[in-house]
PDB file of N, CA and C in Angstrom:
ATOM      1  N   MET A   1       3.663   1.121  23.165  1.00  0.00           N
ATOM      2  CA  MET A   1       3.911   1.527  21.940  1.00  0.00           C
ATOM      3  C   MET A   1       2.870   1.202  20.687  1.00  0.00           C
ATOM      4  N   ASP A   2       2.652   1.948  20.014  1.00  0.00           N
ATOM      5  CA  ASP A   2       1.636   1.681  19.066  1.00  0.00           C
ATOM      6  C   ASP A   2       2.305   0.682  17.677  1.00  0.00           C
ATOM      7  N   LYS A   3       1.329  -0.188  17.324  1.00  0.00           N
ATOM      8  CA  LYS A   3       1.809  -1.358  16.234  1.00  0.00           C
ATOM      9  C   LYS A   3       2.508  -0.599  15.062  1.00  0.00           C
ATOM     10  N   LYS A   4       3.389  -0.858  14.531  1.00  0.00           N
ATOM     11  CA  LYS A   4       3.779  -0.271  13.189  1.00  0.00           C
ATOM     12  C   LYS A   4       2.740  -0.719  11.977  1.00  0.00           C
ATOM     13  N   ILE A   5       2.468   0.254  11.394  1.00  0.00           N
ATOM     14  CA  ILE A   5       1.490   0.053  10.078  1.00  0.00           C
ATOM     15  C   ILE A   5       2.463  -0.385   8.853  1.00  0.00           C
ATOM     16  N   SER A   6       1.755  -1.586   8.409  1.00  0.00           N
ATOM     17  CA  SER A   6       2.419  -2.257   7.577  1.00  0.00           C
ATOM     18  C   SER A   6       1.984  -2.062   5.877  1.00  0.00           C
ATOM     19  N   VAL A   7       2.717  -1.495   5.228  1.00  0.00           N
ATOM     20  CA  VAL A   7       2.391  -1.060   3.848  1.00  0.00           C
ATOM     21  C   VAL A   7       3.047  -2.034   2.797  1.00  0.00           C
ATOM     22  N   LYS A   8       2.358  -2.851   1.907  1.00  0.00           N
ATOM     23  CA  LYS A   8       2.940  -3.539   1.103  1.00  0.00           C
ATOM     24  C   LYS A   8       2.692  -3.379  -0.124  1.00  0.00           C
ATOM     25  N   VAL A   9       3.478  -3.028  -1.173  1.00  0.00           N
ATOM     26  CA  VAL A   9       3.426  -2.545  -2.464  1.00  0.00           C
ATOM     27  C   VAL A   9       3.330  -3.623  -3.285  1.00  0.00           C
ATOM     28  N   CYS A  10       2.283  -3.971  -4.222  1.00  0.00           N
ATOM     29  CA  CYS A  10       2.549  -5.391  -4.975  1.00  0.00           C
ATOM     30  C   CYS A  10       3.435  -4.943  -6.296  1.00  0.00           C
ATOM     31  N   LEU A  11       4.574  -5.532  -6.480  1.00  0.00           N
ATOM     32  CA  LEU A  11       5.427  -5.436  -7.606  1.00  0.00           C
ATOM     33  C   LEU A  11       5.183  -6.682  -8.561  1.00  0.00           C
ATOM     34  N   GLY A  12       4.120  -7.424  -8.748  1.00  0.00           N
ATOM     35  CA  GLY A  12       3.789  -8.401  -9.711  1.00  0.00           C
ATOM     36  C   GLY A  12       3.840  -7.728 -11.017  1.00  0.00           C
ATOM     37  N   THR A  13       3.778  -8.767 -12.122  1.00  0.00           N
ATOM     38  CA  THR A  13       3.721  -7.995 -13.548  1.00  0.00           C
ATOM     39  C   THR A  13       2.703  -7.172 -13.977  1.00  0.00           C
ATOM     40  N   THR A  14       1.483  -7.560 -13.482  1.00  0.00           N
ATOM     41  CA  THR A  14       0.075  -6.907 -13.692  1.00  0.00           C
ATOM     42  C   THR A  14       0.173  -5.694 -12.918  1.00  0.00           C
ATOM     43  N   CYS A  15       0.246  -5.789 -11.543  1.00  0.00           N
ATOM     44  CA  CYS A  15       0.351  -4.509 -10.808  1.00  0.00           C
ATOM     45  C   CYS A  15       1.421  -3.573 -11.424  1.00  0.00           C
ATOM     46  N   PHE A  16       2.686  -4.017 -11.730  1.00  0.00           N
ATOM     47  CA  PHE A  16       3.626  -3.058 -12.244  1.00  0.00           C
ATOM     48  C   PHE A  16       3.441  -2.439 -13.336  1.00  0.00           C
ATOM     49  N   VAL A  17       2.947  -3.264 -14.385  1.00  0.00           N
ATOM     50  CA  VAL A  17       2.422  -2.672 -15.589  1.00  0.00           C
ATOM     51  C   VAL A  17       1.299  -1.489 -15.424  1.00  0.00           C
ATOM     52  N   MET A  18       0.484  -1.944 -14.581  1.00  0.00           N
ATOM     53  CA  MET A  18      -0.753  -0.971 -14.282  1.00  0.00           C
ATOM     54  C   MET A  18      -0.265   0.123 -13.224  1.00  0.00           C
ATOM     55  N   GLY A  19       0.827   0.378 -13.174  1.00  0.00           N
ATOM     56  CA  GLY A  19       1.283   1.219 -12.450  1.00  0.00           C
ATOM     57  C   GLY A  19       1.843   1.382 -11.153  1.00  0.00           C
ATOM     58  N   SER A  20       2.170   0.182 -10.509  1.00  0.00           N
ATOM     59  CA  SER A  20       3.033   0.138  -9.306  1.00  0.00           C
ATOM     60  C   SER A  20       4.420   0.674  -9.461  1.00  0.00           C
ATOM     61  N   ALA A  21       4.764   0.775 -10.621  1.00  0.00           N
ATOM     62  CA  ALA A  21       6.105   1.314 -10.743  1.00  0.00           C
ATOM     63  C   ALA A  21       6.326   2.753 -10.250  1.00  0.00           C
ATOM     64  N   ASN A  22       5.107   3.340 -10.411  1.00  0.00           N
ATOM     65  CA  ASN A  22       4.992   4.915  -9.727  1.00  0.00           C
ATOM     66  C   ASN A  22       4.633   4.992  -8.161  1.00  0.00           C
ATOM     67  N   LEU A  23       4.427   3.647  -7.726  1.00  0.00           N
ATOM     68  CA  LEU A  23       4.198   3.561  -6.310  1.00  0.00           C
ATOM     69  C   LEU A  23       5.542   3.383  -5.563  1.00  0.00           C
ATOM     70  N   GLN A  24       6.553   3.194  -6.285  1.00  0.00           N
ATOM     71  CA  GLN A  24       7.993   3.070  -5.529  1.00  0.00           C
ATOM     72  C   GLN A  24       8.395   4.151  -4.782  1.00  0.00           C
ATOM     73  N   GLU A  25       7.775   5.610  -5.237  1.00  0.00           N
ATOM     74  CA  GLU A  25       8.273   6.464  -4.515  1.00  0.00           C
ATOM     75  C   GLU A  25       7.897   6.421  -3.055  1.00  0.00           C
ATOM     76  N   LEU A  26       6.699   5.638  -2.836  1.00  0.00           N
ATOM     77  CA  LEU A  26       6.228   5.593  -1.401  1.00  0.00           C
ATOM     78  C   LEU A  26       7.498   4.814  -0.388  1.00  0.00           C
ATOM     79  N   ILE A  27       8.481   4.166  -1.085  1.00  0.00           N
ATOM     80  CA  ILE A  27       9.171   3.501  -0.239  1.00  0.00           C
ATOM     81  C   ILE A  27      10.283   4.704   0.268  1.00  0.00           C
ATOM     82  N   GLU A  28      10.544   5.673  -0.443  1.00  0.00           N
ATOM     83  CA  GLU A  28      11.280   6.797   0.013  1.00  0.00           C
ATOM     84  C   GLU A  28      10.419   7.767   0.814  1.00  0.00           C
ATOM     85  N   MET A  29       9.354   8.200   0.452  1.00  0.00           N
ATOM     86  CA  MET A  29       8.398   9.084   0.943  1.00  0.00           C
ATOM     87  C   MET A  29       7.897   8.766   2.391  1.00  0.00           C
ATOM     88  N   VAL A  30       7.344   7.814   2.539  1.00  0.00           N
ATOM     89  CA  VAL A  30       6.705   7.309   3.494  1.00  0.00           C
ATOM     90  C   VAL A  30       7.712   7.231   4.966  1.00  0.00           C
ATOM     91  N   PRO A  31       8.891   6.755   4.909  1.00  0.00           N
ATOM     92  CA  PRO A  31       9.784   6.815   6.277  1.00  0.00           C
ATOM     93  C   PRO A  31       9.789   8.407   6.536  1.00  0.00           C
ATOM     94  N   LYS A  32      10.124   9.249   5.375  1.00  0.00           N
ATOM     95  CA  LYS A  32      10.272  10.704   5.691  1.00  0.00           C
ATOM     96  C   LYS A  32       9.087  11.219   6.339  1.00  0.00           C
ATOM     97  N   LYS A  33       7.822  11.023   5.836  1.00  0.00           N
ATOM     98  CA  LYS A  33       6.555  11.473   6.593  1.00  0.00           C
ATOM     99  C   LYS A  33       6.357  11.005   7.626  1.00  0.00           C
ATOM    100  N   TYR A  34       6.233   9.678   7.826  1.00  0.00           N
ATOM    101  CA  TYR A  34       5.874   8.888   9.235  1.00  0.00           C
ATOM    102  C   TYR A  34       6.905   8.358  10.086  1.00  0.00           C
ATOM    103  N   GLY A  35       7.931   8.522   9.710  1.00  0.00           N
ATOM    104  CA  GLY A  35       8.973   7.869  10.534  1.00  0.00           C
ATOM    105  C   GLY A  35       8.763   6.434  10.886  1.00  0.00           C
ATOM    106  N   GLU A  36       9.026   6.047  12.235  1.00  0.00           N
ATOM    107  CA  GLU A  36       9.061   4.595  12.523  1.00  0.00           C
ATOM    108  C   GLU A  36       7.687   4.139  12.763  1.00  0.00           C
ATOM    109  N   LYS A  37       6.674   5.107  12.379  1.00  0.00           N
ATOM    110  CA  LYS A  37       5.151   4.542  12.418  1.00  0.00           C
ATOM    111  C   LYS A  37       4.784   3.528  11.412  1.00  0.00           C
ATOM    112  N   VAL A  38       5.464   3.691  10.149  1.00  0.00           N
ATOM    113  CA  VAL A  38       4.776   3.008   9.345  1.00  0.00           C
ATOM    114  C   VAL A  38       6.161   2.101   8.494  1.00  0.00           C
ATOM    115  N   GLU A  39       5.869   0.716   8.129  1.00  0.00           N
ATOM    116  CA  GLU A  39       7.143   0.388   7.532  1.00  0.00           C
ATOM    117  C   GLU A  39       6.573  -0.095   5.913  1.00  0.00           C
ATOM    118  N   VAL A  40       7.279   0.170   4.956  1.00  0.00           N
ATOM    119  CA  VAL A  40       7.040  -0.149   3.794  1.00  0.00           C
ATOM    120  C   VAL A  40       7.588  -1.108   2.758  1.00  0.00           C
ATOM    121  N   SER A  41       7.173  -1.771   1.988  1.00  0.00           N
ATOM    122  CA  SER A  41       8.068  -2.822   1.310  1.00  0.00           C
ATOM    123  C   SER A  41       7.335  -3.212   0.014  1.00  0.00           C
ATOM    124  N   GLY A  42       8.362  -3.481  -0.839  1.00  0.00           N
ATOM    125  CA  GLY A  42       7.622  -3.953  -2.220  1.00  0.00           C
ATOM    126  C   GLY A  42       7.576  -5.375  -1.999  1.00  0.00           C
ATOM    127  N   VAL A  43       6.583  -6.264  -2.642  1.00  0.00           N
ATOM    128  CA  VAL A  43       6.252  -7.523  -2.471  1.00  0.00           C
ATOM    129  C   VAL A  43       6.384  -8.171  -3.875  1.00  0.00           C
ATOM    130  N   PRO A  44       6.589  -9.418  -4.238  1.00  0.00           N
ATOM    131  CA  PRO A  44       6.688 -10.003  -5.544  1.00  0.00           C
ATOM    132  C   PRO A  44       5.265 -10.118  -6.062  1.00  0.00           C
ATOM    133  N   CYS A  45       4.105 -10.302  -5.262  1.00  0.00           N
ATOM    134  CA  CYS A  45       2.718 -10.463  -5.601  1.00  0.00           C
ATOM    135  C   CYS A  45       2.029 -10.830  -4.399  1.00  0.00           C
ATOM    136  N   LEU A  46       0.857  -9.933  -4.420  1.00  0.00           N
ATOM    137  CA  LEU A  46      -0.226 -10.162  -3.389  1.00  0.00           C
ATOM    138  C   LEU A  46      -1.157 -11.120  -3.769  1.00  0.00           C
ATOM    139  N   GLY A  47      -1.070 -11.563  -5.243  1.00  0.00           N
ATOM    140  CA  GLY A  47      -2.176 -12.379  -5.477  1.00  0.00           C
ATOM    141  C   GLY A  47      -3.572 -12.227  -5.644  1.00  0.00           C
ATOM    142  N   LEU A  48      -3.526 -10.653  -5.702  1.00  0.00           N
ATOM    143  CA  LEU A  48      -5.261 -10.136  -5.813  1.00  0.00           C
ATOM    144  C   LEU A  48      -5.702 -10.170  -7.188  1.00  0.00           C
ATOM    145  N   CYS A  49      -4.889  -9.731  -8.100  1.00  0.00           N
ATOM    146  CA  CYS A  49      -5.713  -9.802  -9.459  1.00  0.00           C
ATOM    147  C   CYS A  49      -6.011 -11.080  -9.936  1.00  0.00           C
ATOM    148  N   SER A  50      -5.448 -12.368  -9.595  1.00  0.00           N
ATOM    149  CA  SER A  50      -5.950 -13.666  -9.783  1.00  0.00           C
ATOM    150  C   SER A  50      -7.295 -13.942  -9.357  1.00  0.00           C
ATOM    151  N   ILE A  51      -7.620 -13.203  -8.248  1.00  0.00           N
ATOM    152  CA  ILE A  51      -8.983 -13.421  -7.833  1.00  0.00           C
ATOM    153  C   ILE A  51     -10.194 -13.321  -8.720  1.00  0.00           C
ATOM    154  N   ASP A  52      -9.883 -11.906  -9.513  1.00  0.00           N
ATOM    155  CA  ASP A  52     -10.928 -11.255 -10.224  1.00  0.00           C
ATOM    156  C   ASP A  52     -10.066 -10.547 -11.392  1.00  0.00           C
ATOM    157  N   TRP A  53      -9.474 -11.396 -12.165  1.00  0.00           N
ATOM    158  CA  TRP A  53      -8.664 -11.249 -13.319  1.00  0.00           C
ATOM    159  C   TRP A  53      -9.265 -10.267 -14.334  1.00  0.00           C
ATOM    160  N   GLU A  54     -10.566 -10.607 -14.589  1.00  0.00           N
ATOM    161  CA  GLU A  54     -10.986  -9.966 -15.869  1.00  0.00           C
ATOM    162  C   GLU A  54     -11.472  -8.588 -15.264  1.00  0.00           C
ATOM    163  N   PHE A  55     -11.568  -8.266 -14.031  1.00  0.00           N
ATOM    164  CA  PHE A  55     -12.121  -7.011 -13.468  1.00  0.00           C
ATOM    165  C   PHE A  55     -11.237  -6.401 -12.664  1.00  0.00           C
ATOM    166  N   SER A  56      -9.722  -6.862 -12.842  1.00  0.00           N
ATOM    167  CA  SER A  56      -8.575  -6.432 -12.183  1.00  0.00           C
ATOM    168  C   SER A  56      -8.724  -5.001 -11.810  1.00  0.00           C
ATOM    169  N   LYS A  57      -8.340  -4.686 -10.585  1.00  0.00           N
ATOM    170  CA  LYS A  57      -8.278  -3.129 -10.259  1.00  0.00           C
ATOM    171  C   LYS A  57      -6.703  -2.858  -9.632  1.00  0.00           C
ATOM    172  N   ALA A  58      -5.826  -3.395 -10.455  1.00  0.00           N
ATOM    173  CA  ALA A  58      -4.545  -3.320 -10.195  1.00  0.00           C
ATOM    174  C   ALA A  58      -4.006  -1.639 -10.512  1.00  0.00           C
ATOM    175  N   PRO A  59      -3.102  -1.404  -9.770  1.00  0.00           N
ATOM    176  CA  PRO A  59      -2.194  -1.928  -8.841  1.00  0.00           C
ATOM    177  C   PRO A  59      -2.812  -2.017  -7.369  1.00  0.00           C
ATOM    178  N   TYR A  60      -2.358  -3.000  -6.782  1.00  0.00           N
ATOM    179  CA  TYR A  60      -2.919  -3.208  -5.350  1.00  0.00           C
ATOM    180  C   TYR A  60      -1.619  -2.886  -4.392  1.00  0.00           C
ATOM    181  N   VAL A  61      -2.316  -2.321  -3.373  1.00  0.00           N
ATOM    182  CA  VAL A  61      -1.190  -2.354  -2.026  1.00  0.00           C
ATOM    183  C   VAL A  61      -1.891  -2.620  -0.809  1.00  0.00           C
ATOM    184  N   LYS A  62      -1.626  -3.292   0.195  1.00  0.00           N
ATOM    185  CA  LYS A  62      -2.100  -3.551   1.280  1.00  0.00           C
ATOM    186  C   LYS A  62      -1.436  -2.777   2.532  1.00  0.00           C
ATOM    187  N   VAL A  63      -2.565  -2.108   3.251  1.00  0.00           N
ATOM    188  CA  VAL A  63      -2.087  -1.394   4.159  1.00  0.00           C
ATOM    189  C   VAL A  63      -2.719  -1.879   5.433  1.00  0.00           C
ATOM    190  N   ASP A  64      -1.682  -2.625   6.339  1.00  0.00           N
ATOM    191  CA  ASP A  64      -2.109  -3.880   7.111  1.00  0.00           C
ATOM    192  C   ASP A  64      -3.140  -4.614   6.571  1.00  0.00           C
ATOM    193  N   ASP A  65      -4.285  -4.901   7.008  1.00  0.00           N
ATOM    194  CA  ASP A  65      -5.146  -5.860   6.031  1.00  0.00           C
ATOM    195  C   ASP A  65      -5.983  -5.301   4.960  1.00  0.00           C
ATOM    196  N   ASP A  66      -6.066  -4.009   5.151  1.00  0.00           N
ATOM    197  CA  ASP A  66      -6.988  -3.204   3.971  1.00  0.00           C
ATOM    198  C   ASP A  66      -6.253  -3.301   2.712  1.00  0.00           C
ATOM    199  N   VAL A  67      -6.978  -3.537   1.490  1.00  0.00           N
ATOM    200  CA  VAL A  67      -6.781  -3.465   0.230  1.00  0.00           C
ATOM    201  C   VAL A  67      -6.746  -2.215  -0.294  1.00  0.00           C
ATOM    202  N   VAL A  68      -6.197  -1.674  -0.985  1.00  0.00           N
ATOM    203  CA  VAL A  68      -6.150  -0.322  -1.499  1.00  0.00           C
ATOM    204  C   VAL A  68      -6.116  -0.765  -3.243  1.00  0.00           C
ATOM    205  N   LYS A  69      -7.317  -0.631  -3.771  1.00  0.00           N
ATOM    206  CA  LYS A  69      -7.406  -1.128  -5.264  1.00  0.00           C
ATOM    207  C   LYS A  69      -7.127   0.231  -6.111  1.00  0.00           C
ATOM    208  N   GLU A  70      -6.718  -0.074  -7.332  1.00  0.00           N
ATOM    209  CA  GLU A  70      -5.997   1.001  -8.336  1.00  0.00           C
ATOM    210  C   GLU A  70      -5.242   2.222  -7.355  1.00  0.00           C
ATOM    211  N   ALA A  71      -4.451   1.560  -6.810  1.00  0.00           N
ATOM    212  CA  ALA A  71      -3.486   2.510  -5.772  1.00  0.00           C
ATOM    213  C   ALA A  71      -2.998   3.646  -6.554  1.00  0.00           C
ATOM    214  N   THR A  72      -2.927   4.656  -5.746  1.00  0.00           N
ATOM    215  CA  THR A  72      -2.129   5.652  -6.120  1.00  0.00           C
ATOM    216  C   THR A  72      -1.488   6.290  -4.836  1.00  0.00           C
ATOM    217  N   VAL A  73      -0.331   7.108  -5.126  1.00  0.00           N
ATOM    218  CA  VAL A  73       0.250   7.629  -3.918  1.00  0.00           C
ATOM    219  C   VAL A  73      -0.605   8.441  -3.047  1.00  0.00           C
ATOM    220  N   GLU A  74      -1.606   9.012  -3.567  1.00  0.00           N
ATOM    221  CA  GLU A  74      -2.459   9.828  -2.669  1.00  0.00           C
ATOM    222  C   GLU A  74      -3.429   8.712  -1.912  1.00  0.00           C
ATOM    223  N   LYS A  75      -3.781   7.975  -2.598  1.00  0.00           N
ATOM    224  CA  LYS A  75      -4.834   6.726  -2.016  1.00  0.00           C
ATOM    225  C   LYS A  75      -4.083   6.153  -1.150  1.00  0.00           C
ATOM    226  N   VAL A  76      -2.868   5.678  -0.834  1.00  0.00           N
ATOM    227  CA  VAL A  76      -1.986   5.039  -0.010  1.00  0.00           C
ATOM    228  C   VAL A  76      -1.806   5.812   1.186  1.00  0.00           C
ATOM    229  N   LEU A  77      -1.317   6.952   0.962  1.00  0.00           N
ATOM    230  CA  LEU A  77      -1.278   8.142   1.918  1.00  0.00           C
ATOM    231  C   LEU A  77      -2.472   8.140   2.781  1.00  0.00           C
ATOM    232  N   LYS A  78      -3.580   8.633   2.038  1.00  0.00           N
ATOM    233  CA  LYS A  78      -4.736   8.581   2.735  1.00  0.00           C
ATOM    234  C   LYS A  78      -5.200   7.466   3.689  1.00  0.00           C
ATOM    235  N   ALA A  79      -4.929   6.112   3.015  1.00  0.00           N
ATOM    236  CA  ALA A  79      -5.168   4.888   3.831  1.00  0.00           C
ATOM    237  C   ALA A  79      -4.288   4.937   5.071  1.00  0.00           C
ATOM    238  N   ILE A  80      -3.170   5.507   5.041  1.00  0.00           N
ATOM    239  CA  ILE A  80      -2.036   5.298   6.304  1.00  0.00           C
ATOM    240  C   ILE A  80      -2.421   6.337   7.104  1.00  0.00           C
ATOM    241  N   ASP A  81      -3.035   7.369   6.507  1.00  0.00           N
ATOM    242  CA  ASP A  81      -3.476   8.627   7.481  1.00  0.00           C
ATOM    243  C   ASP A  81      -4.792   8.370   8.340  1.00  0.00           C
ATOM    244  N   ASP A  82      -5.567   7.354   7.574  1.00  0.00           N
ATOM    245  CA  ASP A  82      -6.900   6.909   8.191  1.00  0.00           C
ATOM    246  C   ASP A  82      -6.492   5.871   9.429  1.00  0.00           C
ATOM    247  N   LYS A  83      -5.481   4.921   9.200  1.00  0.00           N
ATOM    248  CA  LYS A  83      -5.055   3.855  10.202  1.00  0.00           C
ATOM    249  C   LYS A  83      -4.302   4.638  11.261  1.00  0.00           C
ATOM    250  N   LEU A  84      -3.442   5.817  11.047  1.00  0.00           N
ATOM    251  CA  LEU A  84      -3.070   6.449  12.049  1.00  0.00           C
ATOM    252  C   LEU A  84      -4.229   7.213  13.087  1.00  0.00           C
ATOM    253  N   ALA A  85      -4.996   7.555  12.301  1.00  0.00           N
ATOM    254  CA  ALA A  85      -6.127   8.593  13.164  1.00  0.00           C
ATOM    255  C   ALA A  85      -6.854   7.505  14.072  1.00  0.00           C
ATOM    256  N   ILE A  86      -7.122   6.288  13.511  1.00  0.00           N
ATOM    257  CA  ILE A  86      -7.708   5.338  14.529  1.00  0.00           C
ATOM    258  C   ILE A  86      -6.835   4.756  15.528  1.00  0.00           C
ATOM    259  N   GLN A  87      -5.574   4.551  15.300  1.00  0.00           N
ATOM    260  CA  GLN A  87      -4.710   4.436  16.337  1.00  0.00           C
ATOM    261  C   GLN A  87      -4.610   5.366  17.481  1.00  0.00           C
ATOM    262  N   ASN A  88      -4.865   6.701  17.080  1.00  0.00           N
ATOM    263  CA  ASN A  88      -4.499   7.910  17.768  1.00  0.00           C
ATOM    264  C   ASN A  88      -5.598   7.998  18.892  1.00  0.00           C
ATOM    265  N   LYS A  89      -6.723   7.397  18.296  1.00  0.00           N
ATOM    266  CA  LYS A  89      -8.098   7.467  19.226  1.00  0.00           C
ATOM    267  C   LYS A  89      -7.948   6.357  20.063  1.00  0.00           C
ATOM    268  N   GLN A  90      -7.411   5.382  20.090  1.00  0.00           N
ATOM    269  CA  GLN A  90      -7.664   4.120  20.807  1.00  0.00           C
ATOM    270  C   GLN A  90      -6.755   4.440  22.145  1.00  0.00           C
TER     271      GLN A  90
END
């Protein structure tokens, strides 16, 4: 069986203020669309904006080990689709 894809939505203050609140709909949407293939969770902080605070690209989402900067629902769904396409080719 394929490994589950892990999606982590950063809910830290900066990401939340910069729009991750809108990404919470992924928590309901993703299981309906992908079933058991993808696991979504909100995390307190990914620590990514502290690396480059001045040029922060919040909100951040991690899809497995890939970071989605300035994340939107559409960008995250595309990242999931890309991962699934790669899995399906293997």
